[in-house]
């Protein structure tokens, strides 16, 4: 039987996120920043342990591929990252330090092509690890990407149709409508209502868990 205490907390988080979206709806220039910060501050940072850092910026790999701007980067801490200025959340991330990326959209149905563009820019980057002690499965070479929309599609079939045509996207969350769907790589999870947030949490937990005991060699980026 589903845990009602967990559900109650998820409902509270979802209410806060929806409130941020409604409050910033008429503030065009600030909307994206406010909604991205809400996903980080009221959701991700509150849910995941302190050892995980959340920021924004670009990622690069050993071959010199670069992603372009990424909305939310979940940094595992297994490799260093380089800030633009001291104490800035905008960084250049080494591919091996990125557990997952989240693209945040106000209205996912009208901004879906932007999400696909980000996923396609991220796709060429490959993570290269040394020894790995399996903690949650072996990490994949490519970086998982999830798309979070505040509003958008209101039917699970819409999520299914769109994720099928976007092989570089691993999951879709629509907060207002309460819908979540992951790719088959993350088990094809489907969740509705307030449990939609839990669906994303579980998939991100899987993504970050695979990097907990992975060895990396940052020195290879220079020598």
N, C-alpha and C. Protein backbone atom coordinates (compact mmCIF):
# COMPACT_ATOMS: atom_id res chain seq x y z
N UNK A 1 0.85 -1.20 0.00
CA UNK A 1 0.00 0.00 0.00
C UNK A 1 0.88 1.24 0.00
N UNK A 2 0.60 2.21 -0.86
CA UNK A 2 1.43 3.42 -0.94
C UNK A 2 1.50 4.14 0.41
N UNK A 3 2.68 4.65 0.72
CA UNK A 3 2.90 5.35 1.98
C UNK A 3 2.28 6.75 1.91
N UNK A 4 1.28 7.00 2.73
CA UNK A 4 0.56 8.27 2.67
C UNK A 4 1.37 9.44 3.22
N UNK A 5 2.34 9.15 4.10
CA UNK A 5 3.19 10.22 4.62
C UNK A 5 4.13 10.75 3.54
N UNK A 6 4.67 9.83 2.76
CA UNK A 6 5.50 10.23 1.62
C UNK A 6 4.67 11.02 0.62
N UNK A 7 3.48 10.53 0.34
CA UNK A 7 2.60 11.20 -0.61
C UNK A 7 2.27 12.62 -0.16
N UNK A 8 2.03 12.78 1.13
CA UNK A 8 1.71 14.11 1.66
C UNK A 8 2.85 15.09 1.46
N UNK A 9 4.07 14.64 1.69
CA UNK A 9 5.23 15.51 1.48
C UNK A 9 5.40 15.85 0.00
N UNK A 10 5.21 14.88 -0.85
CA UNK A 10 5.30 15.13 -2.29
C UNK A 10 4.26 16.15 -2.73
N UNK A 11 3.06 16.04 -2.18
CA UNK A 11 2.00 16.99 -2.51
C UNK A 11 2.39 18.40 -2.12
N UNK A 12 3.05 18.56 -0.97
CA UNK A 12 3.49 19.87 -0.53
C UNK A 12 4.54 20.46 -1.46
N UNK A 13 5.51 19.62 -1.88
CA UNK A 13 6.55 20.09 -2.80
C UNK A 13 5.95 20.49 -4.13
N UNK A 14 5.02 19.68 -4.62
CA UNK A 14 4.38 19.97 -5.91
C UNK A 14 3.58 21.28 -5.84
N UNK A 15 2.93 21.52 -4.72
CA UNK A 15 2.18 22.77 -4.54
C UNK A 15 3.11 23.98 -4.60
N UNK A 16 4.27 23.87 -3.97
CA UNK A 16 5.24 24.96 -3.99
C UNK A 16 5.73 25.23 -5.42
N UNK A 17 6.06 24.17 -6.14
CA UNK A 17 6.55 24.33 -7.50
C UNK A 17 5.49 24.96 -8.40
N UNK A 18 4.26 24.51 -8.27
CA UNK A 18 3.18 25.10 -9.06
C UNK A 18 2.97 26.56 -8.70
N UNK A 19 3.14 26.89 -7.42
CA UNK A 19 3.00 28.27 -6.99
C UNK A 19 4.06 29.16 -7.59
N UNK A 20 5.29 28.67 -7.68
CA UNK A 20 6.37 29.44 -8.31
C UNK A 20 6.04 29.71 -9.77
N UNK A 21 5.51 28.70 -10.45
CA UNK A 21 5.16 28.88 -11.86
C UNK A 21 4.07 29.93 -12.03
N UNK A 22 3.04 29.87 -11.21
CA UNK A 22 1.95 30.84 -11.32
C UNK A 22 2.42 32.25 -10.96
N UNK A 23 3.27 32.36 -9.96
CA UNK A 23 3.73 33.67 -9.52
C UNK A 23 4.63 34.35 -10.54
N UNK A 24 5.36 33.56 -11.33
CA UNK A 24 6.31 34.13 -12.28
C UNK A 24 5.79 34.16 -13.71
N UNK A 25 4.51 33.80 -13.90
CA UNK A 25 3.96 33.65 -15.24
C UNK A 25 4.02 34.94 -16.04
N UNK A 26 3.85 36.09 -15.40
CA UNK A 26 3.84 37.37 -16.11
C UNK A 26 5.18 38.09 -16.05
N UNK A 27 6.20 37.44 -15.55
CA UNK A 27 7.52 38.04 -15.44
C UNK A 27 8.45 37.38 -16.45
N UNK A 28 8.28 37.74 -17.71
CA UNK A 28 8.90 37.02 -18.81
C UNK A 28 10.40 36.87 -18.66
N UNK A 29 11.10 37.94 -18.31
CA UNK A 29 12.55 37.90 -18.27
C UNK A 29 13.09 37.06 -17.13
N UNK A 30 12.31 36.94 -16.06
CA UNK A 30 12.80 36.25 -14.88
C UNK A 30 12.21 34.85 -14.70
N UNK A 31 11.24 34.51 -15.54
CA UNK A 31 10.52 33.26 -15.33
C UNK A 31 11.44 32.05 -15.33
N UNK A 32 12.29 31.93 -16.36
CA UNK A 32 13.11 30.73 -16.49
C UNK A 32 14.05 30.57 -15.32
N UNK A 33 14.69 31.67 -14.92
CA UNK A 33 15.62 31.59 -13.79
C UNK A 33 14.91 31.22 -12.51
N UNK A 34 13.73 31.80 -12.27
CA UNK A 34 12.99 31.51 -11.05
C UNK A 34 12.52 30.06 -11.02
N UNK A 35 12.06 29.57 -12.15
CA UNK A 35 11.57 28.19 -12.19
C UNK A 35 12.71 27.18 -12.06
N UNK A 36 13.85 27.49 -12.68
CA UNK A 36 15.00 26.60 -12.53
C UNK A 36 15.48 26.58 -11.08
N UNK A 37 15.55 27.74 -10.45
CA UNK A 37 16.00 27.80 -9.06
C UNK A 37 15.03 27.08 -8.14
N UNK A 38 13.74 27.15 -8.45
CA UNK A 38 12.75 26.45 -7.63
C UNK A 38 12.96 24.94 -7.70
N UNK A 39 13.23 24.42 -8.90
CA UNK A 39 13.49 22.99 -9.05
C UNK A 39 14.69 22.57 -8.21
N UNK A 40 15.71 23.44 -8.18
CA UNK A 40 16.91 23.13 -7.40
C UNK A 40 16.65 23.29 -5.91
N UNK A 41 16.16 24.48 -5.50
CA UNK A 41 16.08 24.83 -4.08
C UNK A 41 14.95 24.13 -3.34
N UNK A 42 13.77 24.06 -3.95
CA UNK A 42 12.60 23.51 -3.25
C UNK A 42 12.41 22.02 -3.50
N UNK A 43 13.16 21.47 -4.44
CA UNK A 43 12.94 20.08 -4.80
C UNK A 43 14.22 19.27 -4.65
N UNK A 44 15.16 19.44 -5.58
CA UNK A 44 16.33 18.58 -5.62
C UNK A 44 17.21 18.70 -4.37
N UNK A 45 17.56 19.92 -3.98
CA UNK A 45 18.44 20.11 -2.82
C UNK A 45 17.79 19.61 -1.55
N UNK A 46 16.47 19.68 -1.48
CA UNK A 46 15.77 19.23 -0.29
C UNK A 46 15.64 17.72 -0.22
N UNK A 47 15.69 17.08 -1.37
CA UNK A 47 15.45 15.63 -1.44
C UNK A 47 16.74 14.82 -1.36
N UNK A 48 17.80 15.29 -2.04
CA UNK A 48 19.01 14.48 -2.15
C UNK A 48 20.03 14.85 -1.08
N UNK A 49 20.89 13.90 -0.70
CA UNK A 49 21.89 14.14 0.35
C UNK A 49 22.83 15.29 0.02
N UNK A 50 23.47 15.81 1.06
CA UNK A 50 24.30 17.00 0.92
C UNK A 50 25.50 16.81 0.00
N UNK A 51 25.96 15.57 -0.19
CA UNK A 51 27.15 15.37 -1.01
C UNK A 51 26.92 15.65 -2.49
N UNK A 52 25.66 15.78 -2.87
CA UNK A 52 25.36 16.09 -4.27
C UNK A 52 25.16 17.58 -4.44
N UNK A 53 25.80 18.11 -5.46
CA UNK A 53 25.71 19.54 -5.74
C UNK A 53 24.89 19.76 -7.00
N UNK A 54 24.21 20.88 -7.01
CA UNK A 54 23.34 21.23 -8.14
C UNK A 54 23.74 22.59 -8.68
N UNK A 55 23.95 22.66 -9.96
CA UNK A 55 24.35 23.91 -10.57
C UNK A 55 23.93 23.97 -12.02
N UNK A 56 24.51 24.91 -12.73
CA UNK A 56 24.21 25.08 -14.15
C UNK A 56 25.52 25.37 -14.87
N UNK A 57 25.53 25.20 -16.18
CA UNK A 57 26.75 25.46 -16.93
C UNK A 57 26.90 24.53 -18.12
N UNK A 58 28.15 24.33 -18.55
CA UNK A 58 28.47 23.46 -19.68
C UNK A 58 29.20 22.22 -19.18
N UNK A 59 29.13 21.16 -19.97
CA UNK A 59 29.91 19.95 -19.69
C UNK A 59 30.83 19.67 -20.87
N UNK A 60 31.95 19.03 -20.58
CA UNK A 60 32.89 18.64 -21.63
C UNK A 60 33.44 17.27 -21.32
N UNK A 61 33.95 16.57 -22.35
CA UNK A 61 34.51 15.23 -22.12
C UNK A 61 35.95 15.16 -22.59
N UNK A 62 36.55 13.98 -22.48
CA UNK A 62 37.96 13.80 -22.81
C UNK A 62 38.27 14.07 -24.27
N UNK A 63 37.29 13.93 -25.14
CA UNK A 63 37.49 14.17 -26.56
C UNK A 63 37.33 15.63 -26.94
N UNK A 64 37.00 16.47 -25.96
CA UNK A 64 36.84 17.89 -26.24
C UNK A 64 35.44 18.27 -26.71
N UNK A 65 34.49 17.35 -26.64
CA UNK A 65 33.10 17.70 -26.96
C UNK A 65 32.54 18.60 -25.86
N UNK A 66 31.67 19.54 -26.23
CA UNK A 66 31.06 20.44 -25.24
C UNK A 66 29.56 20.47 -25.45
N UNK A 67 28.83 20.52 -24.36
CA UNK A 67 27.38 20.39 -24.42
C UNK A 67 26.65 21.66 -24.78
N UNK A 68 27.18 22.81 -24.43
CA UNK A 68 26.38 24.02 -24.42
C UNK A 68 25.68 24.14 -23.07
N UNK A 69 24.95 25.22 -22.86
CA UNK A 69 24.35 25.51 -21.57
C UNK A 69 23.35 24.44 -21.14
N UNK A 70 23.51 23.99 -19.88
CA UNK A 70 22.63 22.99 -19.28
C UNK A 70 21.90 23.63 -18.10
N UNK A 71 20.59 23.42 -18.04
CA UNK A 71 19.79 24.08 -17.00
C UNK A 71 20.20 23.66 -15.60
N UNK A 72 20.12 22.36 -15.33
CA UNK A 72 20.45 21.83 -14.00
C UNK A 72 21.38 20.65 -14.15
N UNK A 73 22.53 20.73 -13.52
CA UNK A 73 23.50 19.64 -13.53
C UNK A 73 23.57 19.05 -12.12
N UNK A 74 23.38 17.74 -12.02
CA UNK A 74 23.56 17.05 -10.74
C UNK A 74 24.99 16.52 -10.73
N UNK A 75 25.79 17.10 -9.88
CA UNK A 75 27.22 16.79 -9.84
C UNK A 75 27.48 15.76 -8.74
N UNK A 76 28.13 14.67 -9.11
CA UNK A 76 28.33 13.58 -8.16
C UNK A 76 29.48 13.83 -7.21
N UNK A 77 30.44 14.65 -7.59
CA UNK A 77 31.57 14.91 -6.73
C UNK A 77 32.73 13.96 -6.91
N UNK A 78 32.71 13.09 -7.93
CA UNK A 78 33.82 12.17 -8.15
C UNK A 78 34.95 12.82 -8.95
N UNK A 79 34.69 13.99 -9.53
CA UNK A 79 35.70 14.71 -10.29
C UNK A 79 35.56 16.20 -10.01
N UNK A 80 36.62 16.98 -10.23
CA UNK A 80 36.51 18.42 -10.02
C UNK A 80 35.67 19.09 -11.10
N UNK A 81 35.20 20.30 -10.81
CA UNK A 81 34.53 21.14 -11.79
C UNK A 81 35.06 22.55 -11.63
N UNK A 82 34.91 23.35 -12.68
CA UNK A 82 35.55 24.66 -12.71
C UNK A 82 34.51 25.77 -12.76
N UNK A 83 34.45 26.64 -11.73
CA UNK A 83 33.49 27.73 -11.73
C UNK A 83 33.93 28.85 -12.66
N UNK A 84 32.96 29.66 -13.10
CA UNK A 84 33.30 30.83 -13.91
C UNK A 84 33.89 31.92 -13.03
N UNK A 85 33.31 32.10 -11.84
CA UNK A 85 33.84 33.02 -10.83
C UNK A 85 33.72 32.32 -9.49
N UNK A 86 34.48 32.76 -8.47
CA UNK A 86 34.38 32.10 -7.16
C UNK A 86 32.95 32.07 -6.64
N UNK A 87 32.57 30.94 -6.10
CA UNK A 87 31.26 30.73 -5.47
C UNK A 87 30.10 30.75 -6.46
N UNK A 88 30.39 30.71 -7.76
CA UNK A 88 29.32 30.71 -8.76
C UNK A 88 28.79 29.30 -8.95
N UNK A 89 27.49 29.18 -9.21
CA UNK A 89 26.90 27.88 -9.53
C UNK A 89 27.06 27.52 -11.00
N UNK A 90 27.49 28.47 -11.82
CA UNK A 90 27.71 28.21 -13.24
C UNK A 90 29.12 27.69 -13.43
N UNK A 91 29.24 26.48 -13.93
CA UNK A 91 30.54 25.82 -13.99
C UNK A 91 30.77 25.14 -15.33
N UNK A 92 32.03 24.74 -15.52
CA UNK A 92 32.39 23.81 -16.58
C UNK A 92 32.58 22.46 -15.90
N UNK A 93 31.77 21.49 -16.29
CA UNK A 93 31.78 20.17 -15.65
C UNK A 93 32.50 19.15 -16.51
N UNK A 94 33.30 18.30 -15.89
CA UNK A 94 33.85 17.14 -16.58
C UNK A 94 32.75 16.09 -16.67
N UNK A 95 32.65 15.45 -17.81
CA UNK A 95 31.54 14.51 -18.05
C UNK A 95 31.43 13.46 -16.95
N UNK A 96 32.58 13.00 -16.44
CA UNK A 96 32.56 11.93 -15.43
C UNK A 96 31.97 12.38 -14.10
N UNK A 97 31.89 13.69 -13.86
CA UNK A 97 31.34 14.19 -12.60
C UNK A 97 29.85 14.44 -12.67
N UNK A 98 29.26 14.29 -13.85
CA UNK A 98 27.84 14.59 -14.03
C UNK A 98 27.00 13.31 -13.88
N UNK A 99 26.18 13.29 -12.85
CA UNK A 99 25.28 12.14 -12.65
C UNK A 99 24.11 12.19 -13.59
N UNK A 100 23.55 13.37 -13.77
CA UNK A 100 22.39 13.54 -14.64
C UNK A 100 22.20 15.03 -14.93
N UNK A 101 21.45 15.30 -15.97
CA UNK A 101 21.12 16.68 -16.36
C UNK A 101 19.61 16.80 -16.42
N UNK A 102 19.11 17.96 -15.99
CA UNK A 102 17.67 18.23 -16.06
C UNK A 102 17.44 19.50 -16.86
N UNK A 103 16.60 19.40 -17.87
CA UNK A 103 16.18 20.54 -18.66
C UNK A 103 14.83 21.01 -18.12
N UNK A 104 14.73 22.29 -17.77
CA UNK A 104 13.52 22.83 -17.17
C UNK A 104 12.78 23.70 -18.19
N UNK A 105 11.50 23.44 -18.37
CA UNK A 105 10.69 24.19 -19.32
C UNK A 105 9.41 24.69 -18.65
N UNK A 106 8.99 25.91 -18.99
CA UNK A 106 7.72 26.43 -18.48
C UNK A 106 6.55 25.64 -19.05
N UNK A 107 6.53 25.48 -20.36
CA UNK A 107 5.47 24.73 -21.03
C UNK A 107 6.12 23.72 -21.96
N UNK A 108 6.19 22.49 -21.52
CA UNK A 108 6.97 21.48 -22.23
C UNK A 108 6.42 21.18 -23.62
N UNK A 109 5.11 21.29 -23.79
CA UNK A 109 4.51 20.95 -25.08
C UNK A 109 4.92 21.92 -26.18
N UNK A 110 5.15 23.19 -25.83
CA UNK A 110 5.56 24.18 -26.83
C UNK A 110 7.07 24.36 -26.89
N UNK A 111 7.78 23.83 -25.90
CA UNK A 111 9.24 23.99 -25.85
C UNK A 111 9.97 22.65 -25.99
N UNK A 112 9.26 21.65 -26.47
CA UNK A 112 9.83 20.31 -26.58
C UNK A 112 11.02 20.27 -27.53
N UNK A 113 10.96 20.99 -28.62
CA UNK A 113 12.07 20.99 -29.56
C UNK A 113 13.34 21.58 -28.94
N UNK A 114 13.19 22.53 -28.03
CA UNK A 114 14.34 23.07 -27.32
C UNK A 114 14.97 21.99 -26.44
N UNK A 115 14.12 21.20 -25.80
CA UNK A 115 14.63 20.11 -24.97
C UNK A 115 15.37 19.08 -25.81
N UNK A 116 14.82 18.75 -26.96
CA UNK A 116 15.48 17.80 -27.86
C UNK A 116 16.83 18.35 -28.32
N UNK A 117 16.88 19.65 -28.61
CA UNK A 117 18.13 20.27 -29.04
C UNK A 117 19.20 20.16 -27.95
N UNK A 118 18.81 20.41 -26.69
CA UNK A 118 19.76 20.27 -25.59
C UNK A 118 20.24 18.83 -25.46
N UNK A 119 19.31 17.88 -25.58
CA UNK A 119 19.66 16.46 -25.48
C UNK A 119 20.61 16.05 -26.59
N UNK A 120 20.39 16.56 -27.78
CA UNK A 120 21.26 16.22 -28.92
C UNK A 120 22.65 16.83 -28.76
N UNK A 121 22.73 18.00 -28.15
CA UNK A 121 24.04 18.60 -27.90
C UNK A 121 24.80 17.86 -26.81
N UNK A 122 24.06 17.31 -25.85
CA UNK A 122 24.70 16.57 -24.76
C UNK A 122 25.11 15.17 -25.19
N UNK A 123 24.39 14.59 -26.11
CA UNK A 123 24.57 13.19 -26.48
C UNK A 123 25.99 12.80 -26.89
N UNK A 124 26.74 13.64 -27.64
CA UNK A 124 28.09 13.22 -28.04
C UNK A 124 29.07 13.06 -26.89
N UNK A 125 28.79 13.68 -25.74
CA UNK A 125 29.71 13.58 -24.61
C UNK A 125 29.68 12.17 -24.03
N UNK A 126 30.85 11.61 -23.77
CA UNK A 126 30.95 10.27 -23.22
C UNK A 126 31.78 10.28 -21.94
N UNK A 127 31.27 9.62 -20.92
CA UNK A 127 31.99 9.48 -19.66
C UNK A 127 32.90 8.26 -19.74
N UNK A 128 34.12 8.40 -19.26
CA UNK A 128 35.08 7.29 -19.26
C UNK A 128 35.55 7.05 -17.83
N UNK A 129 35.26 5.85 -17.33
CA UNK A 129 35.59 5.49 -15.97
C UNK A 129 36.65 4.41 -15.93
N UNK A 130 37.33 4.34 -14.78
CA UNK A 130 38.25 3.25 -14.53
C UNK A 130 37.49 2.13 -13.85
N UNK A 131 38.01 1.68 -12.70
CA UNK A 131 37.34 0.62 -11.95
C UNK A 131 36.02 1.14 -11.40
N UNK A 132 35.07 0.23 -11.27
CA UNK A 132 33.76 0.58 -10.75
C UNK A 132 33.27 -0.48 -9.79
N UNK A 133 32.98 -0.07 -8.56
CA UNK A 133 32.36 -0.95 -7.59
C UNK A 133 30.86 -0.71 -7.67
N UNK A 134 30.14 -1.69 -8.12
CA UNK A 134 28.71 -1.50 -8.39
C UNK A 134 27.95 -1.18 -7.12
N UNK A 135 27.32 0.00 -7.10
CA UNK A 135 26.49 0.42 -5.99
C UNK A 135 25.02 0.49 -6.41
N UNK A 136 24.78 0.75 -7.68
CA UNK A 136 23.42 0.85 -8.15
C UNK A 136 23.35 0.49 -9.62
N UNK A 137 24.32 -0.36 -10.04
CA UNK A 137 24.44 -0.70 -11.44
C UNK A 137 25.64 0.02 -12.05
N UNK A 138 26.11 -0.47 -13.16
CA UNK A 138 27.27 0.12 -13.83
C UNK A 138 26.84 1.40 -14.54
N UNK A 139 27.62 2.49 -14.38
CA UNK A 139 27.23 3.74 -15.05
C UNK A 139 27.38 3.64 -16.56
N UNK A 140 26.48 4.28 -17.26
CA UNK A 140 26.55 4.32 -18.72
C UNK A 140 27.57 5.36 -19.15
N UNK A 141 28.05 5.21 -20.38
CA UNK A 141 29.01 6.19 -20.89
C UNK A 141 28.34 7.54 -21.19
N UNK A 142 27.08 7.50 -21.61
CA UNK A 142 26.39 8.76 -21.90
C UNK A 142 25.72 9.29 -20.64
N UNK A 143 25.45 10.59 -20.63
CA UNK A 143 24.90 11.27 -19.46
C UNK A 143 23.38 11.28 -19.54
N UNK A 144 22.69 10.77 -18.53
CA UNK A 144 21.22 10.78 -18.55
C UNK A 144 20.66 12.21 -18.54
N UNK A 145 19.60 12.43 -19.28
CA UNK A 145 18.94 13.74 -19.31
C UNK A 145 17.45 13.57 -19.12
N UNK A 146 16.90 14.36 -18.20
CA UNK A 146 15.47 14.36 -17.91
C UNK A 146 14.92 15.75 -18.18
N UNK A 147 13.67 15.81 -18.62
CA UNK A 147 13.02 17.09 -18.92
C UNK A 147 11.88 17.30 -17.94
N UNK A 148 11.90 18.46 -17.27
CA UNK A 148 10.84 18.82 -16.33
C UNK A 148 10.09 20.02 -16.89
N UNK A 149 8.80 19.85 -17.10
CA UNK A 149 7.95 20.95 -17.54
C UNK A 149 6.96 21.31 -16.46
N UNK A 150 6.76 22.60 -16.24
CA UNK A 150 5.77 23.01 -15.25
C UNK A 150 4.35 22.73 -15.75
N UNK A 151 4.10 23.00 -17.02
CA UNK A 151 2.82 22.66 -17.64
C UNK A 151 3.10 22.00 -18.98
N UNK A 152 2.02 21.55 -19.63
CA UNK A 152 2.21 20.94 -20.95
C UNK A 152 1.18 19.87 -21.23
N UNK A 153 1.67 18.70 -21.63
CA UNK A 153 0.76 17.61 -21.99
C UNK A 153 -0.03 17.14 -20.77
N UNK A 154 -1.27 16.72 -21.03
CA UNK A 154 -2.12 16.25 -19.93
C UNK A 154 -2.54 14.79 -20.07
N UNK A 155 -1.89 14.07 -20.99
CA UNK A 155 -2.17 12.65 -21.17
C UNK A 155 -0.85 11.87 -21.19
N UNK A 156 -0.84 10.70 -20.54
CA UNK A 156 0.36 9.87 -20.54
C UNK A 156 0.74 9.45 -21.95
N UNK A 157 -0.24 9.27 -22.81
CA UNK A 157 0.06 8.87 -24.19
C UNK A 157 0.91 9.92 -24.91
N UNK A 158 0.72 11.19 -24.55
CA UNK A 158 1.53 12.25 -25.16
C UNK A 158 2.98 12.11 -24.74
N UNK A 159 3.21 11.79 -23.47
CA UNK A 159 4.58 11.57 -23.00
C UNK A 159 5.19 10.36 -23.71
N UNK A 160 4.41 9.31 -23.84
CA UNK A 160 4.89 8.09 -24.49
C UNK A 160 5.28 8.36 -25.95
N UNK A 161 4.43 9.08 -26.66
CA UNK A 161 4.71 9.36 -28.07
C UNK A 161 5.95 10.22 -28.23
N UNK A 162 6.12 11.19 -27.36
CA UNK A 162 7.24 12.12 -27.51
C UNK A 162 8.56 11.53 -27.05
N UNK A 163 8.56 10.73 -26.00
CA UNK A 163 9.82 10.14 -25.55
C UNK A 163 10.28 9.06 -26.53
N UNK A 164 9.35 8.42 -27.19
CA UNK A 164 9.70 7.42 -28.20
C UNK A 164 10.49 8.06 -29.34
N UNK A 165 10.14 9.28 -29.69
CA UNK A 165 10.84 9.97 -30.77
C UNK A 165 12.04 10.76 -30.32
N UNK A 166 12.44 10.60 -29.06
CA UNK A 166 13.59 11.35 -28.52
C UNK A 166 14.49 10.40 -27.75
N UNK A 167 15.30 9.60 -28.45
CA UNK A 167 16.11 8.57 -27.78
C UNK A 167 17.15 9.10 -26.82
N UNK A 168 17.47 10.39 -26.90
CA UNK A 168 18.47 10.96 -26.00
C UNK A 168 17.87 11.54 -24.73
N UNK A 169 16.57 11.37 -24.54
CA UNK A 169 15.89 11.86 -23.33
C UNK A 169 15.42 10.67 -22.51
N UNK A 170 15.74 10.69 -21.21
CA UNK A 170 15.49 9.53 -20.35
C UNK A 170 14.24 9.64 -19.50
N UNK A 171 13.61 10.79 -19.45
CA UNK A 171 12.40 10.90 -18.66
C UNK A 171 11.75 12.25 -18.83
N UNK A 172 10.44 12.30 -18.61
CA UNK A 172 9.65 13.52 -18.72
C UNK A 172 8.78 13.65 -17.48
N UNK A 173 8.82 14.82 -16.85
CA UNK A 173 7.92 15.14 -15.75
C UNK A 173 7.12 16.39 -16.11
N UNK A 174 5.80 16.32 -16.00
CA UNK A 174 4.94 17.50 -16.14
C UNK A 174 4.33 17.76 -14.77
N UNK A 175 4.76 18.83 -14.11
CA UNK A 175 4.43 19.04 -12.70
C UNK A 175 2.95 19.33 -12.50
N UNK A 176 2.40 20.30 -13.23
CA UNK A 176 1.02 20.72 -13.01
C UNK A 176 0.04 19.57 -13.26
N UNK A 177 0.25 18.85 -14.34
CA UNK A 177 -0.65 17.74 -14.68
C UNK A 177 -0.33 16.47 -13.89
N UNK A 178 0.81 16.43 -13.24
CA UNK A 178 1.18 15.27 -12.45
C UNK A 178 1.41 14.03 -13.28
N UNK A 179 2.36 14.11 -14.21
CA UNK A 179 2.66 12.98 -15.09
C UNK A 179 4.17 12.76 -15.14
N UNK A 180 4.58 11.51 -15.04
CA UNK A 180 6.00 11.17 -15.21
C UNK A 180 6.13 9.88 -15.99
N UNK A 181 7.11 9.87 -16.90
CA UNK A 181 7.43 8.68 -17.67
C UNK A 181 8.93 8.65 -17.89
N UNK A 182 9.54 7.48 -17.66
CA UNK A 182 10.97 7.32 -17.94
C UNK A 182 11.17 6.44 -19.15
N UNK A 183 12.37 6.51 -19.71
CA UNK A 183 12.74 5.62 -20.82
C UNK A 183 12.90 4.20 -20.29
N UNK A 184 13.02 3.25 -21.20
CA UNK A 184 13.21 1.86 -20.80
C UNK A 184 14.53 1.65 -20.08
N UNK A 185 15.51 2.50 -20.35
CA UNK A 185 16.79 2.38 -19.64
C UNK A 185 16.60 2.57 -18.14
N UNK A 186 15.59 3.35 -17.76
CA UNK A 186 15.28 3.57 -16.35
C UNK A 186 13.99 2.85 -15.95
N UNK A 187 13.69 1.78 -16.66
CA UNK A 187 12.61 0.90 -16.25
C UNK A 187 11.24 1.23 -16.78
N UNK A 188 11.12 2.25 -17.63
CA UNK A 188 9.81 2.61 -18.15
C UNK A 188 8.82 2.98 -17.06
N UNK A 189 9.30 3.71 -16.06
CA UNK A 189 8.46 4.08 -14.91
C UNK A 189 7.34 5.03 -15.35
N UNK A 190 6.13 4.74 -14.87
CA UNK A 190 4.98 5.63 -15.09
C UNK A 190 4.42 6.02 -13.73
N UNK A 191 4.16 7.30 -13.54
CA UNK A 191 3.60 7.76 -12.27
C UNK A 191 2.71 8.96 -12.53
N UNK A 192 1.64 9.06 -11.75
CA UNK A 192 0.69 10.15 -11.94
C UNK A 192 0.42 10.85 -10.61
N UNK A 193 -0.19 12.04 -10.71
CA UNK A 193 -0.51 12.82 -9.52
C UNK A 193 0.76 13.24 -8.79
N UNK A 194 0.68 13.31 -7.47
CA UNK A 194 1.86 13.71 -6.69
C UNK A 194 2.97 12.68 -6.77
N UNK A 195 2.62 11.42 -7.08
CA UNK A 195 3.64 10.38 -7.22
C UNK A 195 4.53 10.61 -8.44
N UNK A 196 4.13 11.50 -9.34
CA UNK A 196 4.97 11.81 -10.49
C UNK A 196 6.33 12.33 -10.06
N UNK A 197 6.35 13.14 -8.99
CA UNK A 197 7.63 13.63 -8.47
C UNK A 197 8.49 12.46 -7.98
N UNK A 198 7.84 11.49 -7.36
CA UNK A 198 8.57 10.33 -6.84
C UNK A 198 9.18 9.51 -7.98
N UNK A 199 8.48 9.45 -9.11
CA UNK A 199 9.02 8.76 -10.26
C UNK A 199 10.35 9.36 -10.69
N UNK A 200 10.40 10.69 -10.77
CA UNK A 200 11.66 11.34 -11.14
C UNK A 200 12.72 11.12 -10.08
N UNK A 201 12.33 11.23 -8.82
CA UNK A 201 13.29 11.02 -7.72
C UNK A 201 13.94 9.64 -7.82
N UNK A 202 13.13 8.62 -8.07
CA UNK A 202 13.65 7.25 -8.13
C UNK A 202 14.63 7.08 -9.29
N UNK A 203 14.31 7.68 -10.43
CA UNK A 203 15.21 7.56 -11.59
C UNK A 203 16.51 8.33 -11.36
N UNK A 204 16.42 9.50 -10.74
CA UNK A 204 17.63 10.25 -10.43
C UNK A 204 18.46 9.51 -9.39
N UNK A 205 17.81 8.89 -8.42
CA UNK A 205 18.51 8.09 -7.42
C UNK A 205 19.30 6.97 -8.09
N UNK A 206 18.70 6.34 -9.08
CA UNK A 206 19.39 5.29 -9.84
C UNK A 206 20.59 5.88 -10.59
N UNK A 207 20.40 7.05 -11.20
CA UNK A 207 21.47 7.66 -11.99
C UNK A 207 22.65 8.06 -11.12
N UNK A 208 22.39 8.67 -9.97
CA UNK A 208 23.49 9.12 -9.11
C UNK A 208 24.14 7.94 -8.40
N UNK A 209 23.36 6.89 -8.13
CA UNK A 209 23.90 5.74 -7.42
C UNK A 209 24.99 5.02 -8.20
N UNK A 210 24.92 5.04 -9.51
CA UNK A 210 25.91 4.32 -10.31
C UNK A 210 27.29 4.96 -10.27
N UNK A 211 27.36 6.25 -9.87
CA UNK A 211 28.64 6.94 -9.86
C UNK A 211 29.31 6.97 -8.50
N UNK A 212 28.68 6.41 -7.48
CA UNK A 212 29.19 6.54 -6.12
C UNK A 212 30.57 5.91 -5.94
N UNK A 213 30.85 4.85 -6.66
CA UNK A 213 32.13 4.16 -6.48
C UNK A 213 32.86 4.01 -7.81
N UNK A 214 32.77 5.04 -8.65
CA UNK A 214 33.46 5.02 -9.94
C UNK A 214 34.75 5.81 -9.86
N UNK A 215 35.82 5.26 -10.38
CA UNK A 215 37.10 5.96 -10.37
C UNK A 215 37.27 6.76 -11.66
N UNK A 216 37.83 7.95 -11.51
CA UNK A 216 38.08 8.82 -12.66
C UNK A 216 39.50 9.33 -12.61
N UNK A 217 39.98 9.83 -13.75
CA UNK A 217 41.32 10.39 -13.83
C UNK A 217 41.26 11.77 -14.48
N UNK A 218 40.99 12.81 -13.69
CA UNK A 218 40.92 14.16 -14.24
C UNK A 218 42.21 14.59 -14.94
N UNK A 219 43.33 13.99 -14.54
CA UNK A 219 44.61 14.37 -15.13
C UNK A 219 44.62 14.09 -16.65
N UNK A 220 43.79 13.15 -17.08
CA UNK A 220 43.74 12.82 -18.51
C UNK A 220 43.23 13.96 -19.36
N UNK A 221 42.54 14.94 -18.73
CA UNK A 221 42.04 16.08 -19.47
C UNK A 221 43.17 17.02 -19.90
N UNK A 222 44.35 16.86 -19.30
CA UNK A 222 45.47 17.76 -19.62
C UNK A 222 46.67 17.03 -20.18
N UNK A 223 46.85 15.76 -19.80
CA UNK A 223 48.09 15.06 -20.18
C UNK A 223 47.79 13.73 -20.87
